[in-house]
Amino acid sequence: MYTLNCPSTIYWGWKLVKPLMEETTAAKISFIKDSTTEDMWKHIDKSQVEKKFGGTAANVETYW
């Protein structure tokens, strides 16, 4: 799971909780303060991510 542009409270809260979890579970979760990260592209194809988040898919403007 990648969470981009997360608030500082969530980011630092995760830093406190992460050591209490199993390593295999914690390795699957990433809270990132930036809009993108290079590690993300190892697991996700850029064609599945909107341009505003660094991918190549069209930005979604209408949700309904």
N, C-alpha and C. Protein backbone atom coordinates (compact mmCIF):
# COMPACT_ATOMS: atom_id res chain seq x y z
N MET A 1 0.85 -1.16 0.00
CA MET A 1 0.00 0.00 0.00
C MET A 1 0.90 1.23 0.00
N TYR A 2 0.62 2.13 -0.90
CA TYR A 2 1.33 3.41 -0.94
C TYR A 2 0.33 4.52 -0.66
N THR A 3 0.61 5.35 0.31
CA THR A 3 -0.20 6.51 0.61
C THR A 3 0.66 7.73 0.35
N LEU A 4 0.29 8.51 -0.67
CA LEU A 4 1.07 9.68 -1.07
C LEU A 4 0.50 10.95 -0.45
N ASN A 5 1.36 11.93 -0.27
CA ASN A 5 0.96 13.24 0.28
C ASN A 5 0.26 13.12 1.62
N CYS A 6 0.70 12.21 2.45
CA CYS A 6 0.03 12.03 3.75
C CYS A 6 0.46 13.14 4.72
N PRO A 7 -0.42 13.51 5.63
CA PRO A 7 -0.09 14.53 6.62
C PRO A 7 1.02 14.06 7.56
N SER A 8 1.70 14.99 8.15
CA SER A 8 2.81 14.67 9.06
C SER A 8 2.38 13.81 10.23
N THR A 9 1.16 14.01 10.73
CA THR A 9 0.70 13.23 11.87
C THR A 9 0.62 11.74 11.52
N ILE A 10 0.15 11.43 10.35
CA ILE A 10 0.08 10.02 9.91
C ILE A 10 1.47 9.48 9.65
N TYR A 11 2.30 10.28 9.00
CA TYR A 11 3.67 9.86 8.69
C TYR A 11 4.44 9.51 9.96
N TRP A 12 4.42 10.38 10.94
CA TRP A 12 5.16 10.14 12.19
C TRP A 12 4.48 9.08 13.04
N GLY A 13 3.16 9.00 12.99
CA GLY A 13 2.46 7.94 13.70
C GLY A 13 2.85 6.57 13.17
N TRP A 14 3.01 6.47 11.86
CA TRP A 14 3.44 5.22 11.25
C TRP A 14 4.86 4.87 11.70
N LYS A 15 5.72 5.85 11.81
CA LYS A 15 7.08 5.60 12.28
C LYS A 15 7.09 5.01 13.70
N LEU A 16 6.10 5.37 14.51
CA LEU A 16 6.01 4.84 15.87
C LEU A 16 5.41 3.42 15.90
N VAL A 17 4.45 3.16 15.03
CA VAL A 17 3.75 1.88 15.02
C VAL A 17 4.51 0.80 14.26
N LYS A 18 5.24 1.19 13.24
CA LYS A 18 5.91 0.23 12.36
C LYS A 18 6.81 -0.77 13.10
N PRO A 19 7.61 -0.37 14.08
CA PRO A 19 8.45 -1.35 14.78
C PRO A 19 7.67 -2.40 15.57
N LEU A 20 6.42 -2.13 15.86
CA LEU A 20 5.59 -3.06 16.63
C LEU A 20 4.95 -4.14 15.76
N MET A 21 5.02 -3.97 14.43
CA MET A 21 4.41 -4.91 13.51
C MET A 21 5.42 -5.94 13.02
N GLU A 22 4.91 -7.03 12.44
CA GLU A 22 5.80 -8.00 11.82
C GLU A 22 6.48 -7.35 10.62
N GLU A 23 7.73 -7.70 10.38
CA GLU A 23 8.50 -7.08 9.30
C GLU A 23 7.87 -7.29 7.93
N THR A 24 7.33 -8.48 7.68
CA THR A 24 6.75 -8.76 6.36
C THR A 24 5.51 -7.91 6.11
N THR A 25 4.73 -7.66 7.14
CA THR A 25 3.54 -6.81 7.00
C THR A 25 3.94 -5.35 6.86
N ALA A 26 4.85 -4.88 7.68
CA ALA A 26 5.27 -3.48 7.64
C ALA A 26 5.94 -3.14 6.31
N ALA A 27 6.62 -4.10 5.68
CA ALA A 27 7.29 -3.86 4.40
C ALA A 27 6.30 -3.61 3.27
N LYS A 28 5.06 -4.01 3.44
CA LYS A 28 4.04 -3.86 2.41
C LYS A 28 3.32 -2.52 2.48
N ILE A 29 3.62 -1.71 3.49
CA ILE A 29 2.92 -0.45 3.72
C ILE A 29 3.89 0.72 3.67
N SER A 30 3.55 1.76 2.90
CA SER A 30 4.40 2.96 2.80
C SER A 30 3.55 4.21 2.89
N PHE A 31 3.86 5.07 3.85
CA PHE A 31 3.26 6.39 3.95
C PHE A 31 4.33 7.37 3.50
N ILE A 32 4.03 8.14 2.45
CA ILE A 32 5.03 9.00 1.82
C ILE A 32 4.55 10.44 1.87
N LYS A 33 5.40 11.35 2.32
CA LYS A 33 5.03 12.76 2.42
C LYS A 33 5.09 13.45 1.07
N ASP A 34 5.85 12.89 0.12
CA ASP A 34 5.98 13.48 -1.22
C ASP A 34 4.85 12.99 -2.12
N SER A 35 4.80 13.56 -3.34
CA SER A 35 3.75 13.16 -4.28
C SER A 35 4.09 11.87 -5.02
N THR A 36 5.34 11.42 -4.98
CA THR A 36 5.72 10.16 -5.62
C THR A 36 7.04 9.67 -5.06
N THR A 37 7.37 8.42 -5.35
CA THR A 37 8.63 7.83 -4.92
C THR A 37 9.08 6.82 -5.96
N GLU A 38 10.36 6.66 -6.11
CA GLU A 38 10.89 5.72 -7.11
C GLU A 38 10.59 4.27 -6.73
N ASP A 39 10.51 3.95 -5.45
CA ASP A 39 10.19 2.58 -5.03
C ASP A 39 8.81 2.15 -5.52
N MET A 40 7.91 3.10 -5.64
CA MET A 40 6.55 2.81 -6.06
C MET A 40 6.51 2.21 -7.46
N TRP A 41 7.40 2.66 -8.33
CA TRP A 41 7.37 2.20 -9.73
C TRP A 41 7.88 0.77 -9.89
N LYS A 42 8.44 0.19 -8.85
CA LYS A 42 8.83 -1.22 -8.90
C LYS A 42 7.60 -2.12 -8.82
N HIS A 43 6.51 -1.61 -8.26
CA HIS A 43 5.32 -2.41 -8.03
C HIS A 43 4.12 -1.98 -8.87
N ILE A 44 4.14 -0.75 -9.36
CA ILE A 44 2.99 -0.19 -10.06
C ILE A 44 3.43 0.31 -11.43
N ASP A 45 2.65 -0.02 -12.46
CA ASP A 45 2.94 0.47 -13.80
C ASP A 45 2.48 1.93 -13.92
N LYS A 46 3.28 2.76 -14.57
CA LYS A 46 2.95 4.19 -14.66
C LYS A 46 1.66 4.44 -15.43
N SER A 47 1.25 3.51 -16.28
CA SER A 47 0.01 3.69 -17.04
C SER A 47 -1.23 3.57 -16.14
N GLN A 48 -1.07 3.09 -14.92
CA GLN A 48 -2.19 2.94 -13.99
C GLN A 48 -2.29 4.10 -13.00
N VAL A 49 -1.37 5.06 -13.08
CA VAL A 49 -1.32 6.17 -12.13
C VAL A 49 -1.57 7.47 -12.89
N GLU A 50 -2.39 8.35 -12.31
CA GLU A 50 -2.70 9.63 -12.94
C GLU A 50 -1.46 10.50 -13.08
N LYS A 51 -1.48 11.39 -14.08
CA LYS A 51 -0.34 12.28 -14.35
C LYS A 51 -0.01 13.17 -13.15
N LYS A 52 -1.02 13.59 -12.40
CA LYS A 52 -0.77 14.47 -11.25
C LYS A 52 0.02 13.77 -10.15
N PHE A 53 0.10 12.43 -10.21
CA PHE A 53 0.88 11.66 -9.25
C PHE A 53 2.14 11.08 -9.87
N GLY A 54 2.49 11.52 -11.10
CA GLY A 54 3.72 11.07 -11.73
C GLY A 54 3.57 9.95 -12.73
N GLY A 55 2.36 9.48 -12.96
CA GLY A 55 2.14 8.41 -13.92
C GLY A 55 1.85 8.95 -15.31
N THR A 56 1.30 8.10 -16.17
CA THR A 56 1.00 8.52 -17.54
C THR A 56 -0.49 8.48 -17.85
N ALA A 57 -1.33 8.01 -16.94
CA ALA A 57 -2.78 7.96 -17.16
C ALA A 57 -3.38 9.36 -17.05
N ALA A 58 -4.49 9.55 -17.74
CA ALA A 58 -5.16 10.86 -17.70
C ALA A 58 -5.67 11.15 -16.29
N ASN A 59 -5.63 12.43 -15.92
CA ASN A 59 -6.16 12.84 -14.61
C ASN A 59 -7.67 12.72 -14.61
N VAL A 60 -8.24 12.17 -13.55
CA VAL A 60 -9.68 12.01 -13.44
C VAL A 60 -10.27 13.31 -12.92
N GLU A 61 -11.21 13.86 -13.66
CA GLU A 61 -11.84 15.13 -13.29
C GLU A 61 -13.29 14.91 -12.84
N THR A 62 -13.94 13.86 -13.36
CA THR A 62 -15.33 13.56 -13.03
C THR A 62 -15.36 12.24 -12.29
N TYR A 63 -15.99 12.24 -11.14
CA TYR A 63 -16.01 11.03 -10.31
C TYR A 63 -17.34 10.31 -10.31
N TRP A 64 -18.40 10.87 -10.85
CA TRP A 64 -19.70 10.23 -10.84
C TRP A 64 -20.16 9.92 -12.21
